[in-house]
Amino acid sequence: MSIAIHELTDSDRDWVESVFRKHWGGEFIVSRGKAYHVKDVKGVCAVNTKGERVGLATYYVKRNECEMVSLNAFTKAAGIGSMLVEAVKRTARVAGCSRLWLTTTNDNLDAIRFYQRRGFQLVAVHPNAIEVSRKLKPSIPEVGNFGIPLRDELEFEMRL
């Protein structure tokens, strides 16, 4: 399957909003105590040969750092997530960033494995960070994947 990656345009915004609602429980994502609204992030989209959107990565550049805010690949184990990460990495380099980073939650074992296999390093554990996030977004559940209590944010980075 051939996949094309393109920067998000205004015509993608409604779709991005629907992805945020469906996969992230609302129109914004909370990371390190900051709410990232769908309208405030940039991103890249993966599109298959049928013209179907099959993946999304959003990011936020501040000074010389790029935070990957979200990553969704709608077909697992097809290389879509890796392509999206590579696209964000290229964009971050062009923007002059020296660091690409992200957070995930302590229950997201698939993401923990995925990011490490792609060269990200675990650089911090923020204990009980999800309590702060729930103040901004009360819909964050108490229990996550595999019945694991949702408590901590894990910070991964890649030096560029």
N, C-alpha and C. Protein backbone atom coordinates (compact mmCIF):
# COMPACT_ATOMS: atom_id res chain seq x y z
N MET A 1 0.85 -1.18 0.00
CA MET A 1 0.00 0.00 0.00
C MET A 1 0.90 1.24 0.00
N SER A 2 0.67 2.13 -0.93
CA SER A 2 1.43 3.36 -1.04
C SER A 2 0.76 4.44 -0.20
N ILE A 3 1.56 5.15 0.57
CA ILE A 3 1.05 6.19 1.47
C ILE A 3 1.75 7.50 1.14
N ALA A 4 0.98 8.57 1.05
CA ALA A 4 1.53 9.91 0.87
C ALA A 4 1.33 10.69 2.16
N ILE A 5 2.31 11.49 2.51
CA ILE A 5 2.23 12.33 3.71
C ILE A 5 2.17 13.78 3.26
N HIS A 6 1.22 14.53 3.80
CA HIS A 6 1.16 15.96 3.47
C HIS A 6 0.86 16.78 4.71
N GLU A 7 1.30 18.04 4.67
CA GLU A 7 1.00 18.98 5.75
C GLU A 7 -0.51 19.23 5.77
N LEU A 8 -1.04 19.41 6.96
CA LEU A 8 -2.46 19.72 7.08
C LEU A 8 -2.76 21.07 6.45
N THR A 9 -3.94 21.15 5.86
CA THR A 9 -4.43 22.40 5.30
C THR A 9 -5.74 22.75 6.00
N ASP A 10 -6.25 23.92 5.70
CA ASP A 10 -7.53 24.33 6.29
C ASP A 10 -8.64 23.34 5.97
N SER A 11 -8.56 22.71 4.80
CA SER A 11 -9.61 21.75 4.42
C SER A 11 -9.57 20.48 5.27
N ASP A 12 -8.47 20.25 5.99
CA ASP A 12 -8.36 19.08 6.86
C ASP A 12 -8.88 19.33 8.27
N ARG A 13 -9.15 20.57 8.64
CA ARG A 13 -9.43 20.93 10.04
C ARG A 13 -10.64 20.21 10.63
N ASP A 14 -11.71 20.10 9.88
CA ASP A 14 -12.89 19.40 10.41
C ASP A 14 -12.57 17.94 10.69
N TRP A 15 -11.80 17.33 9.80
CA TRP A 15 -11.39 15.93 10.00
C TRP A 15 -10.50 15.81 11.23
N VAL A 16 -9.54 16.72 11.39
CA VAL A 16 -8.65 16.68 12.56
C VAL A 16 -9.48 16.81 13.84
N GLU A 17 -10.43 17.70 13.82
CA GLU A 17 -11.30 17.87 14.99
C GLU A 17 -12.06 16.57 15.29
N SER A 18 -12.53 15.89 14.26
CA SER A 18 -13.25 14.63 14.49
C SER A 18 -12.31 13.55 15.03
N VAL A 19 -11.05 13.54 14.58
CA VAL A 19 -10.07 12.58 15.12
C VAL A 19 -9.81 12.88 16.59
N PHE A 20 -9.62 14.15 16.93
CA PHE A 20 -9.40 14.51 18.33
C PHE A 20 -10.58 14.06 19.18
N ARG A 21 -11.80 14.32 18.71
CA ARG A 21 -12.98 13.94 19.50
C ARG A 21 -13.05 12.42 19.68
N LYS A 22 -12.85 11.68 18.59
CA LYS A 22 -13.01 10.23 18.63
C LYS A 22 -11.90 9.55 19.42
N HIS A 23 -10.65 9.97 19.22
CA HIS A 23 -9.52 9.25 19.79
C HIS A 23 -8.94 9.90 21.04
N TRP A 24 -9.23 11.17 21.26
CA TRP A 24 -8.65 11.89 22.39
C TRP A 24 -9.71 12.50 23.30
N GLY A 25 -10.98 12.21 23.05
CA GLY A 25 -12.05 12.59 23.98
C GLY A 25 -12.43 14.05 24.00
N GLY A 26 -12.15 14.79 22.95
CA GLY A 26 -12.53 16.20 22.91
C GLY A 26 -11.73 16.96 21.88
N GLU A 27 -11.91 18.27 21.87
CA GLU A 27 -11.25 19.11 20.88
C GLU A 27 -9.86 19.57 21.31
N PHE A 28 -9.38 19.07 22.43
CA PHE A 28 -8.02 19.41 22.85
C PHE A 28 -7.38 18.24 23.57
N ILE A 29 -6.06 18.29 23.60
CA ILE A 29 -5.24 17.28 24.26
C ILE A 29 -4.43 18.00 25.32
N VAL A 30 -4.26 17.37 26.48
CA VAL A 30 -3.47 17.97 27.55
C VAL A 30 -2.14 17.22 27.66
N SER A 31 -1.06 18.00 27.69
CA SER A 31 0.29 17.46 27.86
C SER A 31 1.08 18.40 28.75
N ARG A 32 1.66 17.86 29.81
CA ARG A 32 2.46 18.65 30.75
C ARG A 32 1.69 19.87 31.27
N GLY A 33 0.40 19.68 31.51
CA GLY A 33 -0.42 20.73 32.09
C GLY A 33 -0.87 21.79 31.11
N LYS A 34 -0.61 21.61 29.83
CA LYS A 34 -1.01 22.57 28.80
C LYS A 34 -2.03 21.93 27.88
N ALA A 35 -3.09 22.68 27.59
CA ALA A 35 -4.12 22.21 26.67
C ALA A 35 -3.76 22.65 25.25
N TYR A 36 -3.72 21.70 24.34
CA TYR A 36 -3.48 21.99 22.93
C TYR A 36 -4.79 21.79 22.18
N HIS A 37 -5.37 22.90 21.75
CA HIS A 37 -6.63 22.85 21.02
C HIS A 37 -6.34 22.50 19.56
N VAL A 38 -7.28 21.84 18.94
CA VAL A 38 -7.12 21.39 17.55
C VAL A 38 -6.75 22.55 16.63
N LYS A 39 -7.24 23.75 16.89
CA LYS A 39 -6.94 24.88 16.02
C LYS A 39 -5.54 25.45 16.24
N ASP A 40 -4.88 25.06 17.32
CA ASP A 40 -3.57 25.62 17.65
C ASP A 40 -2.39 24.77 17.20
N VAL A 41 -2.65 23.56 16.73
CA VAL A 41 -1.55 22.66 16.37
C VAL A 41 -1.43 22.56 14.85
N LYS A 42 -0.23 22.28 14.42
CA LYS A 42 0.02 21.97 13.01
C LYS A 42 0.10 20.46 12.92
N GLY A 43 0.17 19.95 11.71
CA GLY A 43 0.24 18.50 11.61
C GLY A 43 0.49 18.00 10.22
N VAL A 44 0.60 16.68 10.15
CA VAL A 44 0.76 15.97 8.89
C VAL A 44 -0.26 14.84 8.85
N CYS A 45 -0.67 14.54 7.64
CA CYS A 45 -1.71 13.54 7.41
C CYS A 45 -1.17 12.47 6.46
N ALA A 46 -1.52 11.23 6.72
CA ALA A 46 -1.17 10.12 5.82
C ALA A 46 -2.41 9.78 5.00
N VAL A 47 -2.21 9.65 3.69
CA VAL A 47 -3.31 9.37 2.78
C VAL A 47 -2.93 8.18 1.91
N ASN A 48 -3.85 7.22 1.77
CA ASN A 48 -3.56 6.05 0.94
C ASN A 48 -3.91 6.33 -0.53
N THR A 49 -3.69 5.34 -1.38
CA THR A 49 -3.91 5.52 -2.82
C THR A 49 -5.38 5.72 -3.18
N LYS A 50 -6.28 5.36 -2.28
CA LYS A 50 -7.71 5.58 -2.50
C LYS A 50 -8.14 6.98 -2.06
N GLY A 51 -7.19 7.77 -1.53
CA GLY A 51 -7.51 9.10 -1.05
C GLY A 51 -8.05 9.12 0.37
N GLU A 52 -7.98 8.00 1.06
CA GLU A 52 -8.48 7.92 2.44
C GLU A 52 -7.39 8.37 3.41
N ARG A 53 -7.78 9.16 4.38
CA ARG A 53 -6.85 9.57 5.43
C ARG A 53 -6.66 8.39 6.38
N VAL A 54 -5.42 7.96 6.53
CA VAL A 54 -5.13 6.76 7.33
C VAL A 54 -4.22 7.05 8.52
N GLY A 55 -3.88 8.31 8.75
CA GLY A 55 -3.04 8.64 9.89
C GLY A 55 -2.92 10.14 10.08
N LEU A 56 -2.57 10.52 11.30
CA LEU A 56 -2.45 11.93 11.67
C LEU A 56 -1.40 12.08 12.75
N ALA A 57 -0.54 13.06 12.59
CA ALA A 57 0.37 13.47 13.66
C ALA A 57 0.23 14.98 13.80
N THR A 58 0.09 15.46 15.02
CA THR A 58 0.04 16.89 15.26
C THR A 58 1.23 17.29 16.12
N TYR A 59 1.63 18.55 15.97
CA TYR A 59 2.82 19.01 16.69
C TYR A 59 2.70 20.50 16.98
N TYR A 60 3.57 20.95 17.88
CA TYR A 60 3.60 22.35 18.28
C TYR A 60 5.06 22.75 18.44
N VAL A 61 5.48 23.77 17.70
CA VAL A 61 6.86 24.25 17.76
C VAL A 61 6.92 25.48 18.66
N LYS A 62 7.85 25.45 19.60
CA LYS A 62 8.09 26.60 20.48
C LYS A 62 9.59 26.73 20.66
N ARG A 63 10.11 27.89 20.29
CA ARG A 63 11.55 28.14 20.30
C ARG A 63 12.26 27.05 19.49
N ASN A 64 13.17 26.35 20.11
CA ASN A 64 13.94 25.34 19.37
C ASN A 64 13.48 23.92 19.69
N GLU A 65 12.24 23.79 20.13
CA GLU A 65 11.70 22.47 20.45
C GLU A 65 10.40 22.22 19.71
N CYS A 66 10.18 20.96 19.38
CA CYS A 66 8.94 20.55 18.73
C CYS A 66 8.32 19.45 19.58
N GLU A 67 7.11 19.70 20.05
CA GLU A 67 6.39 18.66 20.79
C GLU A 67 5.42 17.97 19.83
N MET A 68 5.53 16.66 19.75
CA MET A 68 4.54 15.89 19.00
C MET A 68 3.35 15.71 19.95
N VAL A 69 2.26 16.34 19.62
CA VAL A 69 1.09 16.39 20.50
C VAL A 69 0.25 15.12 20.37
N SER A 70 0.10 14.63 19.15
CA SER A 70 -0.70 13.41 18.95
C SER A 70 -0.15 12.61 17.78
N LEU A 71 -0.41 11.32 17.83
CA LEU A 71 -0.06 10.41 16.73
C LEU A 71 -1.13 9.34 16.65
N ASN A 72 -1.75 9.24 15.48
CA ASN A 72 -2.76 8.21 15.24
C ASN A 72 -2.50 7.56 13.90
N ALA A 73 -2.29 6.26 13.90
CA ALA A 73 -2.21 5.47 12.67
C ALA A 73 -3.41 4.53 12.69
N PHE A 74 -4.27 4.64 11.70
CA PHE A 74 -5.52 3.90 11.72
C PHE A 74 -5.40 2.47 11.19
N THR A 75 -4.26 2.13 10.64
CA THR A 75 -3.95 0.75 10.28
C THR A 75 -2.67 0.41 11.03
N LYS A 76 -2.74 -0.55 11.92
CA LYS A 76 -1.59 -0.90 12.75
C LYS A 76 -0.58 -1.73 11.96
N ALA A 77 0.69 -1.58 12.33
CA ALA A 77 1.80 -2.37 11.79
C ALA A 77 1.94 -2.24 10.27
N ALA A 78 1.58 -1.07 9.73
CA ALA A 78 1.71 -0.84 8.29
C ALA A 78 2.76 0.21 7.98
N GLY A 79 3.45 0.72 9.02
CA GLY A 79 4.48 1.73 8.81
C GLY A 79 3.97 3.15 8.79
N ILE A 80 2.67 3.34 8.95
CA ILE A 80 2.09 4.68 8.88
C ILE A 80 2.59 5.56 10.03
N GLY A 81 2.57 5.04 11.25
CA GLY A 81 3.06 5.80 12.39
C GLY A 81 4.51 6.21 12.21
N SER A 82 5.33 5.30 11.72
CA SER A 82 6.75 5.60 11.49
C SER A 82 6.91 6.70 10.45
N MET A 83 6.12 6.64 9.37
CA MET A 83 6.19 7.68 8.34
C MET A 83 5.79 9.04 8.90
N LEU A 84 4.76 9.05 9.73
CA LEU A 84 4.32 10.30 10.33
C LEU A 84 5.38 10.87 11.27
N VAL A 85 6.00 10.02 12.08
CA VAL A 85 7.07 10.47 12.97
C VAL A 85 8.22 11.06 12.15
N GLU A 86 8.60 10.39 11.08
CA GLU A 86 9.68 10.88 10.21
C GLU A 86 9.33 12.24 9.61
N ALA A 87 8.07 12.41 9.21
CA ALA A 87 7.64 13.69 8.64
C ALA A 87 7.71 14.80 9.67
N VAL A 88 7.28 14.52 10.90
CA VAL A 88 7.35 15.53 11.96
C VAL A 88 8.82 15.83 12.27
N LYS A 89 9.65 14.82 12.28
CA LYS A 89 11.08 15.02 12.55
C LYS A 89 11.69 15.94 11.49
N ARG A 90 11.38 15.71 10.21
CA ARG A 90 11.89 16.57 9.14
C ARG A 90 11.42 18.01 9.32
N THR A 91 10.14 18.16 9.62
CA THR A 91 9.57 19.50 9.83
C THR A 91 10.26 20.20 10.99
N ALA A 92 10.51 19.48 12.07
CA ALA A 92 11.18 20.06 13.24
C ALA A 92 12.59 20.51 12.89
N ARG A 93 13.30 19.70 12.13
CA ARG A 93 14.66 20.08 11.72
C ARG A 93 14.64 21.35 10.87
N VAL A 94 13.73 21.40 9.90
CA VAL A 94 13.62 22.58 9.03
C VAL A 94 13.29 23.82 9.86
N ALA A 95 12.50 23.65 10.91
CA ALA A 95 12.14 24.77 11.79
C ALA A 95 13.27 25.17 12.73
N GLY A 96 14.40 24.44 12.68
CA GLY A 96 15.54 24.76 13.53
C GLY A 96 15.46 24.18 14.92
N CYS A 97 14.60 23.20 15.11
CA CYS A 97 14.48 22.58 16.43
C CYS A 97 15.65 21.64 16.69
N SER A 98 16.08 21.60 17.94
CA SER A 98 17.14 20.67 18.33
C SER A 98 16.58 19.49 19.12
N ARG A 99 15.29 19.56 19.41
CA ARG A 99 14.66 18.51 20.22
C ARG A 99 13.25 18.24 19.73
N LEU A 100 12.94 16.97 19.52
CA LEU A 100 11.57 16.51 19.26
C LEU A 100 11.17 15.71 20.49
N TRP A 101 10.05 16.06 21.09
CA TRP A 101 9.66 15.37 22.31
C TRP A 101 8.15 15.13 22.34
N LEU A 102 7.75 14.28 23.27
CA LEU A 102 6.34 13.94 23.43
C LEU A 102 6.13 13.37 24.82
N THR A 103 4.88 13.32 25.21
CA THR A 103 4.52 12.60 26.43
C THR A 103 3.49 11.54 26.08
N THR A 104 3.50 10.50 26.86
CA THR A 104 2.46 9.49 26.81
C THR A 104 2.15 9.10 28.24
N THR A 105 1.10 8.35 28.42
CA THR A 105 0.71 7.97 29.77
C THR A 105 1.30 6.62 30.15
N ASN A 106 1.35 6.39 31.44
CA ASN A 106 1.98 5.17 31.98
C ASN A 106 1.30 3.88 31.52
N ASP A 107 0.06 3.96 31.07
CA ASP A 107 -0.66 2.75 30.62
C ASP A 107 -0.46 2.44 29.14
N ASN A 108 0.15 3.35 28.40
CA ASN A 108 0.22 3.21 26.95
C ASN A 108 1.46 2.41 26.54
N LEU A 109 1.41 1.12 26.85
CA LEU A 109 2.56 0.24 26.63
C LEU A 109 2.94 0.13 25.16
N ASP A 110 1.95 0.15 24.27
CA ASP A 110 2.25 0.09 22.84
C ASP A 110 3.05 1.32 22.41
N ALA A 111 2.66 2.50 22.89
CA ALA A 111 3.38 3.72 22.53
C ALA A 111 4.79 3.73 23.12
N ILE A 112 4.93 3.25 24.35
CA ILE A 112 6.25 3.21 24.99
C ILE A 112 7.21 2.37 24.15
N ARG A 113 6.74 1.25 23.69
CA ARG A 113 7.56 0.38 22.83
C ARG A 113 7.82 1.06 21.48
N PHE A 114 6.78 1.59 20.87
CA PHE A 114 6.88 2.21 19.55
C PHE A 114 7.93 3.32 19.53
N TYR A 115 7.84 4.24 20.47
CA TYR A 115 8.75 5.39 20.44
C TYR A 115 10.20 4.98 20.70
N GLN A 116 10.42 4.07 21.61
CA GLN A 116 11.79 3.63 21.88
C GLN A 116 12.40 2.94 20.66
N ARG A 117 11.61 2.17 19.95
CA ARG A 117 12.11 1.48 18.76
C ARG A 117 12.43 2.45 17.64
N ARG A 118 11.92 3.66 17.70
CA ARG A 118 12.19 4.67 16.68
C ARG A 118 13.19 5.71 17.13
N GLY A 119 13.92 5.41 18.19
CA GLY A 119 15.02 6.28 18.59
C GLY A 119 14.72 7.30 19.67
N PHE A 120 13.52 7.30 20.20
CA PHE A 120 13.21 8.21 21.30
C PHE A 120 13.74 7.61 22.60
N GLN A 121 14.15 8.50 23.50
CA GLN A 121 14.66 8.08 24.80
C GLN A 121 13.74 8.58 25.90
N LEU A 122 13.47 7.72 26.86
CA LEU A 122 12.69 8.13 28.04
C LEU A 122 13.57 9.05 28.87
N VAL A 123 13.14 10.30 29.05
CA VAL A 123 13.97 11.27 29.77
C VAL A 123 13.35 11.73 31.08
N ALA A 124 12.06 11.47 31.27
CA ALA A 124 11.44 11.89 32.53
C ALA A 124 10.14 11.13 32.77
N VAL A 125 9.88 10.90 34.04
CA VAL A 125 8.59 10.40 34.48
C VAL A 125 8.01 11.50 35.36
N HIS A 126 6.81 11.92 35.04
CA HIS A 126 6.14 12.98 35.80
C HIS A 126 5.03 12.32 36.62
N PRO A 127 5.36 11.94 37.87
CA PRO A 127 4.38 11.23 38.71
C PRO A 127 3.13 12.08 38.95
N ASN A 128 2.01 11.42 38.87
CA ASN A 128 0.70 12.03 39.16
C ASN A 128 0.36 13.23 38.27
N ALA A 129 1.01 13.35 37.13
CA ALA A 129 0.73 14.46 36.21
C ALA A 129 -0.69 14.43 35.67
N ILE A 130 -1.27 13.25 35.62
CA ILE A 130 -2.62 13.13 35.06
C ILE A 130 -3.65 13.80 35.97
N GLU A 131 -3.36 13.91 37.27
CA GLU A 131 -4.26 14.65 38.16
C GLU A 131 -4.40 16.09 37.69
N VAL A 132 -3.28 16.71 37.32
CA VAL A 132 -3.30 18.09 36.82
C VAL A 132 -4.07 18.14 35.50
N SER A 133 -3.81 17.17 34.63
CA SER A 133 -4.50 17.12 33.33
C SER A 133 -6.01 17.00 33.51
N ARG A 134 -6.44 16.22 34.48
CA ARG A 134 -7.88 16.04 34.71
C ARG A 134 -8.57 17.34 35.14
N LYS A 135 -7.82 18.26 35.74
CA LYS A 135 -8.41 19.55 36.11
C LYS A 135 -8.78 20.33 34.85
N LEU A 136 -7.98 20.16 33.79
CA LEU A 136 -8.27 20.82 32.51
C LEU A 136 -9.24 20.00 31.66
N LYS A 137 -9.17 18.68 31.83
CA LYS A 137 -9.98 17.77 31.01
C LYS A 137 -10.52 16.64 31.89
N PRO A 138 -11.63 16.88 32.57
CA PRO A 138 -12.18 15.89 33.51
C PRO A 138 -12.56 14.55 32.86
N SER A 139 -12.67 14.51 31.55
CA SER A 139 -13.07 13.27 30.87
C SER A 139 -11.94 12.23 30.81
N ILE A 140 -10.73 12.59 31.23
CA ILE A 140 -9.64 11.61 31.24
C ILE A 140 -9.99 10.53 32.25
N PRO A 141 -10.00 9.27 31.81
CA PRO A 141 -10.44 8.19 32.70
C PRO A 141 -9.45 7.91 33.84
N GLU A 142 -9.93 7.25 34.86
CA GLU A 142 -9.09 6.85 35.99
C GLU A 142 -8.25 5.62 35.66
N VAL A 143 -8.79 4.75 34.82
CA VAL A 143 -8.12 3.51 34.47
C VAL A 143 -7.93 3.48 32.96
N GLY A 144 -6.72 3.08 32.54
CA GLY A 144 -6.40 3.07 31.12
C GLY A 144 -6.27 1.67 30.56
N ASN A 145 -5.41 1.55 29.57
CA ASN A 145 -5.18 0.27 28.89
C ASN A 145 -4.75 -0.81 29.88
N PHE A 146 -5.21 -2.02 29.62
CA PHE A 146 -4.83 -3.20 30.41
C PHE A 146 -5.22 -3.08 31.88
N GLY A 147 -6.19 -2.19 32.20
CA GLY A 147 -6.62 -2.02 33.58
C GLY A 147 -5.62 -1.28 34.45
N ILE A 148 -4.66 -0.61 33.83
CA ILE A 148 -3.62 0.11 34.57
C ILE A 148 -4.16 1.47 35.01
N PRO A 149 -4.01 1.82 36.31
CA PRO A 149 -4.43 3.15 36.76
C PRO A 149 -3.67 4.23 35.98
N LEU A 150 -4.40 5.20 35.50
CA LEU A 150 -3.84 6.29 34.70
C LEU A 150 -3.37 7.39 35.64
N ARG A 151 -2.05 7.53 35.80
CA ARG A 151 -1.51 8.47 36.78
C ARG A 151 -0.40 9.37 36.24
N ASP A 152 0.54 8.79 35.51
CA ASP A 152 1.80 9.47 35.22
C ASP A 152 1.96 9.78 33.74
N GLU A 153 2.72 10.84 33.46
CA GLU A 153 3.14 11.12 32.09
C GLU A 153 4.60 10.72 31.95
N LEU A 154 4.90 10.06 30.86
CA LEU A 154 6.27 9.68 30.53
C LEU A 154 6.72 10.57 29.38
N GLU A 155 7.88 11.18 29.54
CA GLU A 155 8.39 12.11 28.53
C GLU A 155 9.51 11.44 27.74
N PHE A 156 9.35 11.44 26.44
CA PHE A 156 10.35 10.89 25.53
C PHE A 156 10.90 12.02 24.67
N GLU A 157 12.16 11.89 24.29
CA GLU A 157 12.74 12.90 23.40
C GLU A 157 13.68 12.26 22.40
N MET A 158 13.90 13.02 21.34
CA MET A 158 14.89 12.67 20.34
C MET A 158 15.65 13.96 20.04
N ARG A 159 16.95 13.91 20.17
CA ARG A 159 17.78 15.06 19.81
C ARG A 159 17.95 15.09 18.30
N LEU A 160 17.78 16.26 17.73
CA LEU A 160 17.86 16.40 16.27
C LEU A 160 19.18 17.02 15.84
